Protein backbone atom coordinates (compact mmCIF):
# COMPACT_ATOMS: atom_id res chain seq x y z
CA MET A 1 -0.07 -0.02 -0.02
CA MET A 2 1.20 3.44 -0.66
CA THR A 3 0.36 6.64 1.58
CA GLU A 4 0.34 9.72 -0.16
CA ILE A 5 2.19 12.18 1.35
CA PHE A 6 2.94 15.63 0.14
CA ALA A 7 2.06 14.76 -3.78
CA GLY A 8 -1.06 17.07 -4.02
CA THR A 9 -0.04 19.97 -2.09
CA GLU A 10 1.22 23.08 -4.47
CA TRP A 11 4.40 23.81 -3.26
CA TYR A 12 5.57 20.85 -3.45
CA ARG A 13 4.62 20.64 -7.02
CA ALA A 14 5.73 23.82 -7.81
CA ARG A 15 9.86 22.54 -7.00
CA SER A 16 11.71 22.22 -9.73
CA GLU A 17 13.85 19.30 -8.68
CA PRO A 18 13.25 16.02 -10.30
CA GLU A 19 11.17 13.58 -8.05
CA ARG A 20 12.78 10.27 -7.97
CA GLU A 21 12.55 6.99 -6.53
CA TRP A 22 14.41 6.30 -3.17
CA ARG A 23 15.18 3.38 -1.14
CA GLY A 24 16.02 2.93 2.61
CA VAL A 25 14.93 2.60 6.32
CA LEU A 26 13.09 5.21 8.13
CA ARG A 27 14.32 6.27 10.98
CA ASP A 28 13.32 8.61 13.81
CA ARG A 29 15.96 11.67 13.87
CA ASP A 30 16.46 13.84 17.04
CA VAL A 31 16.39 17.61 15.85
CA PRO A 32 17.80 20.68 17.92
CA ILE A 33 15.79 22.91 18.98
CA GLY A 34 16.45 26.62 18.35
CA PRO A 35 15.56 29.68 16.51
CA ASP A 36 16.97 28.72 13.26
CA SER A 37 16.62 24.87 13.54
CA ARG A 38 14.14 22.95 11.04
CA THR A 39 12.23 21.13 13.78
CA ALA A 40 10.27 19.63 10.58
CA LEU A 41 12.72 17.17 9.68
CA SER A 42 12.20 14.53 12.58
CA TYR A 43 13.00 11.75 10.20
CA ALA A 44 15.48 10.65 7.73
CA LEU A 45 16.47 8.17 5.01
CA ILE A 46 19.05 5.97 5.84
CA THR A 47 20.11 4.49 2.13
CA ASP A 48 22.60 1.09 1.62
CA ASP A 49 26.04 3.58 1.56
CA GLN A 50 24.58 4.70 4.83
CA THR A 51 23.85 8.37 3.66
CA HIS A 52 21.51 9.73 6.03
CA HIS A 53 18.84 12.45 3.87
CA PRO A 54 16.79 14.32 6.31
CA ILE A 55 12.84 14.37 5.44
CA TYR A 56 10.87 16.80 5.55
CA ALA A 57 7.57 15.85 7.88
CA ALA A 58 5.03 19.32 8.62
CA ASN A 59 1.88 17.89 9.96
CA VAL A 60 2.48 14.11 8.91
CA GLU A 61 3.93 12.27 11.49
CA LYS A 62 0.61 10.53 11.58
CA GLN A 63 0.84 9.38 7.95
CA LEU A 64 5.01 8.48 8.45
CA GLU A 65 4.90 6.85 11.54
CA PRO A 66 4.14 3.45 10.82
CA TYR A 67 7.45 2.90 8.66
CA VAL A 68 9.43 3.69 11.08
CA GLY A 69 12.44 1.23 11.23
CA ARG A 70 10.72 -0.31 7.79
CA ALA A 71 12.75 -0.49 4.73
CA VAL A 72 10.34 1.77 2.45
CA ILE A 73 10.71 3.01 -0.82
CA LEU A 74 9.63 7.07 -1.61
CA ARG A 75 8.86 9.06 -4.44
CA ALA A 76 10.27 12.57 -3.46
CA LYS A 77 12.31 15.38 -4.50
CA LEU A 78 16.11 16.22 -3.21
CA VAL A 79 15.40 19.94 -2.38
CA ASP A 80 18.67 22.09 -1.22
CA LEU A 81 17.89 25.10 1.04
CA SER A 82 21.73 25.96 1.21
CA GLY A 83 21.11 29.07 0.03
CA GLU A 84 18.31 30.16 3.00
CA GLY A 85 21.20 28.05 5.72
CA TYR A 86 19.96 24.93 5.94
CA GLY A 87 21.04 22.00 3.87
CA GLN A 88 19.33 19.38 1.57
CA GLU A 89 16.10 17.18 2.73
CA LEU A 90 13.79 14.82 1.07
CA TRP A 91 10.22 15.94 0.69
CA ILE A 92 8.18 12.81 -0.25
CA ALA A 93 5.56 12.83 -2.36
CA SER A 94 4.49 9.15 -1.58
CA ILE A 95 5.78 6.37 0.68
CA ARG A 96 5.09 2.77 0.84
CA SER A 97 7.01 -0.50 2.22
CA VAL A 98 9.36 -2.99 0.47
CA ASP A 99 7.25 -5.76 1.80
CA ALA A 100 4.21 -4.09 -0.02
CA GLU A 101 6.06 -4.33 -2.91
CA THR A 102 6.70 -8.30 -2.84
CA LYS A 103 2.61 -8.97 -2.29
């Protein structure tokens, strides 16, 4: 089963970055709290090469929580906010578990 996250939102579709498939394990992420912190980056995708990709998850914790600790496939855009003083993060269109792919 696939869960839509931001695929239907105007702001997601408006981003010019290409959407692609990402595979890895979804994990909780400790986010430092402060005036310039991105508290919505409370999850990360850990890929096979052990790269940690922060995930933008504002107001979608309920949809993502069942996937924590599981191997997943994301349709997402890698958005670079370095110009605003942050970094790269994944914006998710949809998520599904790898288990669902084999059923």
